[in-house]
Amino acid sequence: MSRTATVSVPATSANLGAGFDSLGLAMELRDQVTATRTDDGVFTVVIRGEGAHTLPTDATHLIVKTIIDAADQFADAITGLTLECDNAIAQGRGLGSSAAAIVAGLFLARELTGADLTDFDLLQMANRLEGHPDNIGACIYGGLTVAWEDDDKTAHVRKLDVDTRIVPVVAIPNAELSTEKARGLLPTTVPYADAVFNVSRAALIIAAMTTDPSALLAATDDRLHQNYRDAAYGDSMKLVCALRADGLAACISGAGPTVLSLGTAEQVAGTLEIMAAHGFTAAPLQVAKHGAIVH
């Protein structure tokens, strides 16, 4: 148990096209959060970077709330807290900001209370809070992750090493899109042929991401979610289509509207050029080999 703890958590991209609610990728764009226990009954949050002018700075902040609730479950009530957040992950853009906050809160709660819990235990807690394990799995474990749930909602994750030739590039628009709104645009049923299409591409992306980047364009195609959400994405789907028309693997990152392109180092310059031509500010990132890191 410690009075002060620091954790860094990576941005994540869910789905990767066809792997809806199943695949996740951790990237080296990190929030770093330091929490200090106090006994004065005051909960204070200092935010630098993303969300500095929009996120709450009291006990309603998602990380603070997660720490308080988790500590209560660990039978070690936290009666005061100071939180310092250095945020690099854009809020509400499909880069796993809520998953990062939940994972950060749970890892900090474990450190601050000394709770004897494994990462698998924290995965279950995070899954109950987030509602699906794709982002949180990648955020906890890093790399490329395959996540699924048993019938009893127990979450599982398998981590895979990404081919070192692959470079993720993200194009982050200014507009936000809530996950709830994005999910509300999905149909309750889909054509059988579309389901088969996505199963084949989701299987292919495992090979593409781990051993064969030449298959990335085909592997990142999708018929289950992106087209249904097109109207909410603004120019993001136009960018996805432009990149794919040029032979570059691209998809909506998570619930969007950030665009994720996956390719080799030789393709980065062309990717950035197309993204800039469509008015997006873009950046190549490294795959995060490690998820949440306690410092």
C-alpha atoms as a PDB file:
ATOM      1  CA  MET A   1       0.000   0.000   0.000  1.00  0.00           C
ATOM      2  CA  SER A   2       1.211   3.480  -0.850  1.00  0.00           C
ATOM      3  CA  ARG A   3      -0.026   6.988  -0.137  1.00  0.00           C
ATOM      4  CA  THR A   4       0.904   8.035  -3.670  1.00  0.00           C
ATOM      5  CA  ALA A   5       0.844   6.053  -6.915  1.00  0.00           C
ATOM      6  CA  THR A   6       1.367   6.850 -10.594  1.00  0.00           C
ATOM      7  CA  VAL A   7       0.130   4.923 -13.618  1.00  0.00           C
ATOM      8  CA  SER A   8       0.354   5.503 -17.361  1.00  0.00           C
ATOM      9  CA  VAL A   9      -2.293   4.077 -19.671  1.00  0.00           C
ATOM     10  CA  PRO A  10      -2.224   3.837 -23.494  1.00  0.00           C
ATOM     11  CA  ALA A  11      -4.712   4.941 -26.083  1.00  0.00           C
ATOM     12  CA  THR A  12      -6.499   2.048 -27.732  1.00  0.00           C
ATOM     13  CA  SER A  13      -8.282   1.419 -30.998  1.00  0.00           C
ATOM     14  CA  ALA A  14     -11.078  -1.133 -30.973  1.00  0.00           C
ATOM     15  CA  ASN A  15     -12.530  -3.198 -33.835  1.00  0.00           C
ATOM     16  CA  LEU A  16      -9.731  -2.627 -36.401  1.00  0.00           C
ATOM     17  CA  GLY A  17     -12.455  -2.831 -39.000  1.00  0.00           C
ATOM     18  CA  ALA A  18     -14.044  -6.273 -38.894  1.00  0.00           C
ATOM     19  CA  GLY A  19     -13.327  -7.294 -35.297  1.00  0.00           C
ATOM     20  CA  PHE A  20     -16.299  -5.503 -33.755  1.00  0.00           C
ATOM     21  CA  ASP A  21     -16.225  -5.555 -29.934  1.00  0.00           C
ATOM     22  CA  SER A  22     -13.463  -8.184 -30.086  1.00  0.00           C
ATOM     23  CA  LEU A  23     -10.144  -6.753 -31.284  1.00  0.00           C
ATOM     24  CA  GLY A  24      -8.108  -4.007 -29.688  1.00  0.00           C
ATOM     25  CA  LEU A  25      -4.763  -2.327 -30.311  1.00  0.00           C
ATOM     26  CA  ALA A  26      -2.744  -0.364 -27.747  1.00  0.00           C
ATOM     27  CA  MET A  27      -0.755   2.617 -29.013  1.00  0.00           C
ATOM     28  CA  GLU A  28       1.930   4.821 -27.502  1.00  0.00           C
ATOM     29  CA  LEU A  29      -0.225   7.823 -26.785  1.00  0.00           C
ATOM     30  CA  ARG A  30      -0.542   7.830 -23.005  1.00  0.00           C
ATOM     31  CA  ASP A  31      -2.290   9.513 -20.120  1.00  0.00           C
ATOM     32  CA  GLN A  32      -0.225   9.639 -16.939  1.00  0.00           C
ATOM     33  CA  VAL A  33      -2.097   9.911 -13.660  1.00  0.00           C
ATOM     34  CA  THR A  34      -0.788  10.387 -10.113  1.00  0.00           C
ATOM     35  CA  ALA A  35      -3.081   9.873  -7.128  1.00  0.00           C
ATOM     36  CA  THR A  36      -2.321  10.802  -3.517  1.00  0.00           C
ATOM     37  CA  ARG A  37      -4.475   9.723  -0.572  1.00  0.00           C
ATOM     38  CA  THR A  38      -5.458  12.433   1.871  1.00  0.00           C
ATOM     39  CA  ASP A  39      -7.598  12.417   4.983  1.00  0.00           C
ATOM     40  CA  ASP A  40      -9.254  15.805   4.648  1.00  0.00           C
ATOM     41  CA  GLY A  41     -12.434  14.703   2.879  1.00  0.00           C
ATOM     42  CA  VAL A  42     -11.512  16.730  -0.213  1.00  0.00           C
ATOM     43  CA  PHE A  43     -11.253  15.348  -3.729  1.00  0.00           C
ATOM     44  CA  THR A  44      -9.213  17.558  -6.059  1.00  0.00           C
ATOM     45  CA  VAL A  45      -8.287  16.969  -9.697  1.00  0.00           C
ATOM     46  CA  VAL A  46      -5.663  18.854 -11.702  1.00  0.00           C
ATOM     47  CA  ILE A  47      -5.843  18.233 -15.466  1.00  0.00           C
ATOM     48  CA  ARG A  48      -3.218  19.161 -18.022  1.00  0.00           C
ATOM     49  CA  GLY A  49      -3.604  18.478 -21.730  1.00  0.00           C
ATOM     50  CA  GLU A  50      -6.704  16.852 -23.227  1.00  0.00           C
ATOM     51  CA  GLY A  51      -9.895  17.602 -21.315  1.00  0.00           C
ATOM     52  CA  ALA A  52      -8.286  20.326 -19.200  1.00  0.00           C
ATOM     53  CA  HIS A  53     -11.223  22.676 -19.778  1.00  0.00           C
ATOM     54  CA  THR A  54     -14.054  20.170 -20.043  1.00  0.00           C
ATOM     55  CA  LEU A  55     -13.560  17.314 -17.579  1.00  0.00           C
ATOM     56  CA  PRO A  56     -14.779  17.625 -13.962  1.00  0.00           C
ATOM     57  CA  THR A  57     -12.222  18.401 -11.266  1.00  0.00           C
ATOM     58  CA  ASP A  58     -14.029  16.919  -8.271  1.00  0.00           C
ATOM     59  CA  ALA A  59     -15.271  13.528  -7.075  1.00  0.00           C
ATOM     60  CA  THR A  60     -17.398  13.129 -10.215  1.00  0.00           C
ATOM     61  CA  HIS A  61     -14.276  12.708 -12.364  1.00  0.00           C
ATOM     62  CA  LEU A  62     -14.341   9.166 -13.783  1.00  0.00           C
ATOM     63  CA  ILE A  63     -10.923   8.208 -12.414  1.00  0.00           C
ATOM     64  CA  VAL A  64     -11.721   9.526  -8.934  1.00  0.00           C
ATOM     65  CA  LYS A  65     -15.102   7.812  -8.945  1.00  0.00           C
ATOM     66  CA  THR A  66     -13.496   4.551 -10.064  1.00  0.00           C
ATOM     67  CA  ILE A  67     -10.882   4.751  -7.294  1.00  0.00           C
ATOM     68  CA  ILE A  68     -13.482   5.503  -4.618  1.00  0.00           C
ATOM     69  CA  ASP A  69     -15.844   2.723  -5.710  1.00  0.00           C
ATOM     70  CA  ALA A  70     -13.030   0.181  -6.084  1.00  0.00           C
ATOM     71  CA  ALA A  71     -11.543   1.035  -2.692  1.00  0.00           C
ATOM     72  CA  ASP A  72     -14.977   0.558  -1.116  1.00  0.00           C
ATOM     73  CA  GLN A  73     -15.119  -2.905  -2.676  1.00  0.00           C
ATOM     74  CA  PHE A  74     -11.654  -3.571  -1.240  1.00  0.00           C
ATOM     75  CA  ALA A  75     -12.987  -2.556   2.221  1.00  0.00           C
ATOM     76  CA  ASP A  76     -10.560   0.356   2.438  1.00  0.00           C
ATOM     77  CA  ALA A  77     -12.543   3.584   2.075  1.00  0.00           C
ATOM     78  CA  ILE A  78     -10.678   6.551   0.613  1.00  0.00           C
ATOM     79  CA  THR A  79     -11.761   9.739   2.362  1.00  0.00           C
ATOM     80  CA  GLY A  80      -9.727  12.232   0.384  1.00  0.00           C
ATOM     81  CA  LEU A  81      -7.720  12.296  -2.803  1.00  0.00           C
ATOM     82  CA  THR A  82      -5.582  14.525  -4.980  1.00  0.00           C
ATOM     83  CA  LEU A  83      -5.360  13.524  -8.620  1.00  0.00           C
ATOM     84  CA  GLU A  84      -2.962  14.916 -11.219  1.00  0.00           C
ATOM     85  CA  CYS A  85      -3.704  14.009 -14.844  1.00  0.00           C
ATOM     86  CA  ASP A  86      -1.414  14.632 -17.800  1.00  0.00           C
ATOM     87  CA  ASN A  87      -3.683  13.673 -20.673  1.00  0.00           C
ATOM     88  CA  ALA A  88      -2.650  12.938 -24.246  1.00  0.00           C
ATOM     89  CA  ILE A  89      -5.657  10.815 -25.263  1.00  0.00           C
ATOM     90  CA  ALA A  90      -8.370  12.862 -26.975  1.00  0.00           C
ATOM     91  CA  GLN A  91     -11.796  12.574 -25.340  1.00  0.00           C
ATOM     92  CA  GLY A  92     -14.744  11.056 -27.192  1.00  0.00           C
ATOM     93  CA  ARG A  93     -12.840  10.351 -30.407  1.00  0.00           C
ATOM     94  CA  GLY A  94     -12.683   6.548 -30.483  1.00  0.00           C
ATOM     95  CA  LEU A  95      -9.277   6.212 -28.831  1.00  0.00           C
ATOM     96  CA  GLY A  96     -10.407   4.533 -25.624  1.00  0.00           C
ATOM     97  CA  SER A  97     -10.371   7.547 -23.312  1.00  0.00           C
ATOM     98  CA  SER A  98     -13.044   6.116 -20.993  1.00  0.00           C
ATOM     99  CA  ALA A  99     -11.333   2.711 -20.916  1.00  0.00           C
ATOM    100  CA  ALA A 100      -8.048   4.445 -20.076  1.00  0.00           C
ATOM    101  CA  ALA A 101      -9.695   6.341 -17.207  1.00  0.00           C
ATOM    102  CA  ILE A 102     -11.316   3.199 -15.782  1.00  0.00           C
ATOM    103  CA  VAL A 103      -8.123   1.160 -16.047  1.00  0.00           C
ATOM    104  CA  ALA A 104      -6.097   3.986 -14.508  1.00  0.00           C
ATOM    105  CA  GLY A 105      -8.556   4.245 -11.629  1.00  0.00           C
ATOM    106  CA  LEU A 106      -8.496   0.520 -10.902  1.00  0.00           C
ATOM    107  CA  PHE A 107      -4.703   0.231 -11.046  1.00  0.00           C
ATOM    108  CA  LEU A 108      -4.357   3.261  -8.768  1.00  0.00           C
ATOM    109  CA  ALA A 109      -6.932   1.882  -6.350  1.00  0.00           C
ATOM    110  CA  ARG A 110      -4.997  -1.376  -6.132  1.00  0.00           C
ATOM    111  CA  GLU A 111      -1.771   0.493  -5.400  1.00  0.00           C
ATOM    112  CA  LEU A 112      -3.321   2.880  -2.883  1.00  0.00           C
ATOM    113  CA  THR A 113      -5.063   0.135  -0.920  1.00  0.00           C
ATOM    114  CA  GLY A 114      -2.617  -2.731  -1.328  1.00  0.00           C
ATOM    115  CA  ALA A 115      -5.449  -4.976  -2.518  1.00  0.00           C
ATOM    116  CA  ASP A 116      -4.304  -8.496  -3.439  1.00  0.00           C
ATOM    117  CA  LEU A 117      -5.803  -8.550  -6.941  1.00  0.00           C
ATOM    118  CA  THR A 118      -4.438  -9.731 -10.271  1.00  0.00           C
ATOM    119  CA  ASP A 119      -4.731  -7.929 -13.599  1.00  0.00           C
ATOM    120  CA  PHE A 120      -7.366 -10.537 -14.510  1.00  0.00           C
ATOM    121  CA  ASP A 121      -9.384  -9.447 -11.470  1.00  0.00           C
ATOM    122  CA  LEU A 122      -9.126  -5.819 -12.555  1.00  0.00           C
ATOM    123  CA  LEU A 123     -10.151  -6.829 -16.078  1.00  0.00           C
ATOM    124  CA  GLN A 124     -13.441  -8.162 -14.696  1.00  0.00           C
ATOM    125  CA  MET A 125     -14.081  -4.972 -12.747  1.00  0.00           C
ATOM    126  CA  ALA A 126     -13.222  -2.797 -15.739  1.00  0.00           C
ATOM    127  CA  ASN A 127     -15.428  -4.854 -18.035  1.00  0.00           C
ATOM    128  CA  ARG A 128     -18.422  -4.372 -15.765  1.00  0.00           C
ATOM    129  CA  LEU A 129     -17.850  -0.619 -15.801  1.00  0.00           C
ATOM    130  CA  GLU A 130     -17.092  -0.231 -19.516  1.00  0.00           C
ATOM    131  CA  GLY A 131     -19.600  -2.793 -20.772  1.00  0.00           C
ATOM    132  CA  HIS A 132     -17.333  -4.447 -23.363  1.00  0.00           C
ATOM    133  CA  PRO A 133     -13.764  -5.766 -23.097  1.00  0.00           C
ATOM    134  CA  ASP A 134     -12.096  -4.704 -26.364  1.00  0.00           C
ATOM    135  CA  ASN A 135     -10.568  -1.362 -25.314  1.00  0.00           C
ATOM    136  CA  ILE A 136      -9.928  -2.282 -21.702  1.00  0.00           C
ATOM    137  CA  GLY A 137      -8.202  -5.525 -22.687  1.00  0.00           C
ATOM    138  CA  ALA A 138      -5.732  -3.664 -24.889  1.00  0.00           C
ATOM    139  CA  CYS A 139      -5.334  -0.925 -22.279  1.00  0.00           C
ATOM    140  CA  ILE A 140      -4.440  -3.413 -19.527  1.00  0.00           C
ATOM    141  CA  TYR A 141      -2.249  -5.811 -21.498  1.00  0.00           C
ATOM    142  CA  GLY A 142      -0.925  -3.815 -24.470  1.00  0.00           C
ATOM    143  CA  GLY A 143      -0.235  -5.004 -27.999  1.00  0.00           C
ATOM    144  CA  LEU A 144      -2.919  -6.556 -30.171  1.00  0.00           C
ATOM    145  CA  THR A 145      -5.633  -8.195 -28.103  1.00  0.00           C
ATOM    146  CA  VAL A 146      -8.506 -10.556 -28.751  1.00  0.00           C
ATOM    147  CA  ALA A 147     -11.223 -10.193 -26.110  1.00  0.00           C
ATOM    148  CA  TRP A 148     -14.370 -12.207 -25.434  1.00  0.00           C
ATOM    149  CA  GLU A 149     -16.903 -12.958 -22.721  1.00  0.00           C
ATOM    150  CA  ASP A 150     -18.269 -16.225 -21.371  1.00  0.00           C
ATOM    151  CA  ASP A 151     -22.015 -16.613 -20.976  1.00  0.00           C
ATOM    152  CA  ASP A 152     -21.651 -15.453 -17.369  1.00  0.00           C
ATOM    153  CA  LYS A 153     -19.919 -12.233 -18.598  1.00  0.00           C
ATOM    154  CA  THR A 154     -16.455 -13.300 -17.441  1.00  0.00           C
ATOM    155  CA  ALA A 155     -14.044 -11.444 -19.717  1.00  0.00           C
ATOM    156  CA  HIS A 156     -10.950 -12.994 -21.268  1.00  0.00           C
ATOM    157  CA  VAL A 157      -8.093 -11.493 -23.259  1.00  0.00           C
ATOM    158  CA  ARG A 158      -5.317 -12.977 -25.345  1.00  0.00           C
ATOM    159  CA  LYS A 159      -2.405 -10.712 -26.246  1.00  0.00           C
ATOM    160  CA  LEU A 160      -0.554 -11.068 -29.538  1.00  0.00           C
ATOM    161  CA  ASP A 161       2.681  -9.454 -30.704  1.00  0.00           C
ATOM    162  CA  VAL A 162       2.261  -7.100 -33.650  1.00  0.00           C
ATOM    163  CA  ASP A 163       4.534  -7.433 -36.671  1.00  0.00           C
ATOM    164  CA  THR A 164       7.255  -4.815 -36.163  1.00  0.00           C
ATOM    165  CA  ARG A 165       6.793  -3.528 -39.730  1.00  0.00           C
ATOM    166  CA  ILE A 166       3.323  -2.177 -38.939  1.00  0.00           C
ATOM    167  CA  VAL A 167       2.899   1.513 -38.098  1.00  0.00           C
ATOM    168  CA  PRO A 168      -0.498   2.799 -36.890  1.00  0.00           C
ATOM    169  CA  VAL A 169      -1.427   6.297 -38.077  1.00  0.00           C
ATOM    170  CA  VAL A 170      -4.344   8.148 -36.487  1.00  0.00           C
ATOM    171  CA  ALA A 171      -6.264  11.092 -37.906  1.00  0.00           C
ATOM    172  CA  ILE A 172      -8.123  12.774 -35.052  1.00  0.00           C
ATOM    173  CA  PRO A 173     -10.942  15.209 -35.942  1.00  0.00           C
ATOM    174  CA  ASN A 174     -12.114  18.003 -33.670  1.00  0.00           C
ATOM    175  CA  ALA A 175     -15.640  16.623 -33.362  1.00  0.00           C
ATOM    176  CA  GLU A 176     -16.545  14.174 -30.608  1.00  0.00           C
ATOM    177  CA  LEU A 177     -18.897  11.205 -30.824  1.00  0.00           C
ATOM    178  CA  SER A 178     -20.196   9.373 -27.774  1.00  0.00           C
ATOM    179  CA  THR A 179     -20.037   5.594 -27.769  1.00  0.00           C
ATOM    180  CA  GLU A 180     -23.681   5.487 -26.700  1.00  0.00           C
ATOM    181  CA  LYS A 181     -24.787   7.514 -29.714  1.00  0.00           C
ATOM    182  CA  ALA A 182     -22.667   5.408 -32.062  1.00  0.00           C
ATOM    183  CA  ARG A 183     -24.103   2.165 -30.679  1.00  0.00           C
ATOM    184  CA  GLY A 184     -27.600   3.525 -31.012  1.00  0.00           C
ATOM    185  CA  LEU A 185     -27.163   3.681 -34.783  1.00  0.00           C
ATOM    186  CA  LEU A 186     -26.540  -0.052 -35.144  1.00  0.00           C
ATOM    187  CA  PRO A 187     -29.286  -2.416 -36.335  1.00  0.00           C
ATOM    188  CA  THR A 188     -30.520  -5.267 -34.159  1.00  0.00           C
ATOM    189  CA  THR A 189     -29.904  -7.808 -36.947  1.00  0.00           C
ATOM    190  CA  VAL A 190     -27.548  -8.000 -39.937  1.00  0.00           C
ATOM    191  CA  PRO A 191     -27.612 -10.083 -43.137  1.00  0.00           C
ATOM    192  CA  TYR A 192     -26.042 -13.518 -42.808  1.00  0.00           C
ATOM    193  CA  ALA A 193     -23.683 -12.786 -45.707  1.00  0.00           C
ATOM    194  CA  ASP A 194     -22.371  -9.693 -43.917  1.00  0.00           C
ATOM    195  CA  ALA A 195     -21.723 -11.720 -40.768  1.00  0.00           C
ATOM    196  CA  VAL A 196     -19.747 -14.272 -42.777  1.00  0.00           C
ATOM    197  CA  PHE A 197     -17.846 -11.433 -44.483  1.00  0.00           C
ATOM    198  CA  ASN A 198     -16.761 -10.007 -41.123  1.00  0.00           C
ATOM    199  CA  VAL A 199     -15.846 -13.376 -39.627  1.00  0.00           C
ATOM    200  CA  SER A 200     -13.434 -14.015 -42.500  1.00  0.00           C
ATOM    201  CA  ARG A 201     -11.868 -10.549 -42.248  1.00  0.00           C
ATOM    202  CA  ALA A 202     -11.574 -10.700 -38.465  1.00  0.00           C
ATOM    203  CA  ALA A 203      -9.721 -13.994 -38.785  1.00  0.00           C
ATOM    204  CA  LEU A 204      -7.527 -12.567 -41.532  1.00  0.00           C
ATOM    205  CA  ILE A 205      -6.531  -9.522 -39.483  1.00  0.00           C
ATOM    206  CA  ILE A 206      -4.833 -11.761 -36.928  1.00  0.00           C
ATOM    207  CA  ALA A 207      -2.538 -13.042 -39.678  1.00  0.00           C
ATOM    208  CA  ALA A 208      -2.132  -9.558 -41.154  1.00  0.00           C
ATOM    209  CA  MET A 209      -1.235  -7.908 -37.841  1.00  0.00           C
ATOM    210  CA  THR A 210       1.144 -10.615 -36.657  1.00  0.00           C
ATOM    211  CA  THR A 211       2.897 -11.984 -39.748  1.00  0.00           C
ATOM    212  CA  ASP A 212       1.619 -10.604 -43.072  1.00  0.00           C
ATOM    213  CA  PRO A 213       1.034  -6.843 -43.395  1.00  0.00           C
ATOM    214  CA  SER A 214       0.287  -7.260 -47.106  1.00  0.00           C
ATOM    215  CA  ALA A 215      -3.170  -8.544 -46.090  1.00  0.00           C
ATOM    216  CA  LEU A 216      -4.095  -5.462 -44.048  1.00  0.00           C
ATOM    217  CA  LEU A 217      -6.263  -3.810 -46.716  1.00  0.00           C
ATOM    218  CA  ALA A 218      -8.567  -6.810 -47.064  1.00  0.00           C
ATOM    219  CA  ALA A 219      -8.438  -7.592 -43.339  1.00  0.00           C
ATOM    220  CA  THR A 220      -9.666  -4.161 -42.199  1.00  0.00           C
ATOM    221  CA  ASP A 221     -12.832  -4.194 -44.323  1.00  0.00           C
ATOM    222  CA  ASP A 222     -16.179  -4.227 -42.513  1.00  0.00           C
ATOM    223  CA  ARG A 223     -19.909  -4.625 -43.098  1.00  0.00           C
ATOM    224  CA  LEU A 224     -21.262  -4.766 -39.539  1.00  0.00           C
ATOM    225  CA  HIS A 225     -20.934  -1.282 -38.105  1.00  0.00           C
ATOM    226  CA  GLN A 226     -19.152   1.454 -40.064  1.00  0.00           C
ATOM    227  CA  ASN A 227     -21.699   1.959 -42.852  1.00  0.00           C
ATOM    228  CA  TYR A 228     -24.565   2.132 -40.353  1.00  0.00           C
ATOM    229  CA  ARG A 229     -22.797   4.954 -38.529  1.00  0.00           C
ATOM    230  CA  ASP A 230     -21.704   6.849 -41.637  1.00  0.00           C
ATOM    231  CA  ALA A 231     -24.006   9.830 -41.042  1.00  0.00           C
ATOM    232  CA  ALA A 232     -22.485  10.422 -37.596  1.00  0.00           C
ATOM    233  CA  TYR A 233     -18.884  10.355 -38.788  1.00  0.00           C
ATOM    234  CA  GLY A 234     -18.801  13.562 -40.798  1.00  0.00           C
ATOM    235  CA  ASP A 235     -15.769  13.480 -43.082  1.00  0.00           C
ATOM    236  CA  SER A 236     -14.191  10.477 -41.361  1.00  0.00           C
ATOM    237  CA  MET A 237     -15.761   7.822 -43.609  1.00  0.00           C
ATOM    238  CA  LYS A 238     -14.835   9.881 -46.673  1.00  0.00           C
ATOM    239  CA  LEU A 239     -11.234   9.736 -45.473  1.00  0.00           C
ATOM    240  CA  VAL A 240     -11.471   5.983 -44.848  1.00  0.00           C
ATOM    241  CA  CYS A 241     -12.768   5.483 -48.390  1.00  0.00           C
ATOM    242  CA  ALA A 242     -10.056   7.714 -49.888  1.00  0.00           C
ATOM    243  CA  LEU A 243      -7.293   5.831 -48.093  1.00  0.00           C
ATOM    244  CA  ARG A 244      -8.691   2.439 -49.078  1.00  0.00           C
ATOM    245  CA  ALA A 245      -9.104   3.551 -52.697  1.00  0.00           C
ATOM    246  CA  ASP A 246      -5.377   4.282 -52.675  1.00  0.00           C
ATOM    247  CA  GLY A 247      -4.607   0.786 -51.385  1.00  0.00           C
ATOM    248  CA  LEU A 248      -4.068   1.831 -47.768  1.00  0.00           C
ATOM    249  CA  ALA A 249      -5.709  -0.120 -44.937  1.00  0.00           C
ATOM    250  CA  ALA A 250      -8.014   2.189 -42.987  1.00  0.00           C
ATOM    251  CA  CYS A 251     -11.020   1.998 -40.700  1.00  0.00           C
ATOM    252  CA  ILE A 252     -12.861   3.964 -38.058  1.00  0.00           C
ATOM    253  CA  SER A 253     -11.132   3.711 -34.693  1.00  0.00           C
ATOM    254  CA  GLY A 254     -13.556   2.281 -32.150  1.00  0.00           C
ATOM    255  CA  ALA A 255     -16.808   4.229 -32.090  1.00  0.00           C
ATOM    256  CA  GLY A 256     -15.085   7.044 -34.012  1.00  0.00           C
ATOM    257  CA  PRO A 257     -14.750   9.533 -35.423  1.00  0.00           C
ATOM    258  CA  THR A 258     -10.933   9.093 -35.415  1.00  0.00           C
ATOM    259  CA  VAL A 259      -9.592   7.284 -38.474  1.00  0.00           C
ATOM    260  CA  LEU A 260      -6.984   4.548 -38.034  1.00  0.00           C
ATOM    261  CA  SER A 261      -4.687   3.502 -40.845  1.00  0.00           C
ATOM    262  CA  LEU A 262      -2.453   0.433 -40.553  1.00  0.00           C
ATOM    263  CA  GLY A 263       0.475  -0.038 -42.877  1.00  0.00           C
ATOM    264  CA  THR A 264       4.231  -0.304 -43.155  1.00  0.00           C
ATOM    265  CA  ALA A 265       6.760   2.494 -42.675  1.00  0.00           C
ATOM    266  CA  GLU A 266       6.966   2.889 -46.464  1.00  0.00           C
ATOM    267  CA  GLN A 267       3.257   3.738 -46.576  1.00  0.00           C
ATOM    268  CA  VAL A 268       3.263   6.392 -43.831  1.00  0.00           C
ATOM    269  CA  ALA A 269       4.167   9.363 -46.052  1.00  0.00           C
ATOM    270  CA  GLY A 270       1.360   8.604 -48.504  1.00  0.00           C
ATOM    271  CA  THR A 271      -1.085   8.068 -45.664  1.00  0.00           C
ATOM    272  CA  LEU A 272      -0.232  11.409 -44.061  1.00  0.00           C
ATOM    273  CA  GLU A 273      -0.544  13.181 -47.418  1.00  0.00           C
ATOM    274  CA  ILE A 274      -4.086  11.894 -48.005  1.00  0.00           C
ATOM    275  CA  MET A 275      -5.106  12.666 -44.420  1.00  0.00           C
ATOM    276  CA  ALA A 276      -3.794  16.234 -44.747  1.00  0.00           C
ATOM    277  CA  ALA A 277      -5.588  16.694 -48.080  1.00  0.00           C
ATOM    278  CA  HIS A 278      -8.849  15.844 -46.301  1.00  0.00           C
ATOM    279  CA  GLY A 279      -8.193  18.410 -43.568  1.00  0.00           C
ATOM    280  CA  PHE A 280      -7.146  16.017 -40.800  1.00  0.00           C
ATOM    281  CA  THR A 281      -4.239  16.449 -38.406  1.00  0.00           C
ATOM    282  CA  ALA A 282      -2.559  13.063 -38.310  1.00  0.00           C
ATOM    283  CA  ALA A 283       0.259  11.352 -36.466  1.00  0.00           C
ATOM    284  CA  PRO A 284       2.074   8.030 -36.776  1.00  0.00           C
ATOM    285  CA  LEU A 285       2.277   6.147 -33.484  1.00  0.00           C
ATOM    286  CA  GLN A 286       4.091   3.131 -32.118  1.00  0.00           C
ATOM    287  CA  VAL A 287       2.272   0.025 -30.989  1.00  0.00           C
ATOM    288  CA  ALA A 288       2.328  -0.064 -27.171  1.00  0.00           C
ATOM    289  CA  LYS A 289       3.928  -3.388 -26.260  1.00  0.00           C
ATOM    290  CA  HIS A 290       2.848  -2.846 -22.661  1.00  0.00           C
ATOM    291  CA  GLY A 291      -0.521  -1.722 -21.354  1.00  0.00           C
ATOM    292  CA  ALA A 292      -1.015   0.032 -18.022  1.00  0.00           C
ATOM    293  CA  ILE A 293       2.321   0.697 -16.305  1.00  0.00           C
ATOM    294  CA  VAL A 294       2.663   1.554 -12.612  1.00  0.00           C
ATOM    295  CA  HIS A 295       5.605   3.909 -12.012  1.00  0.00           C
END
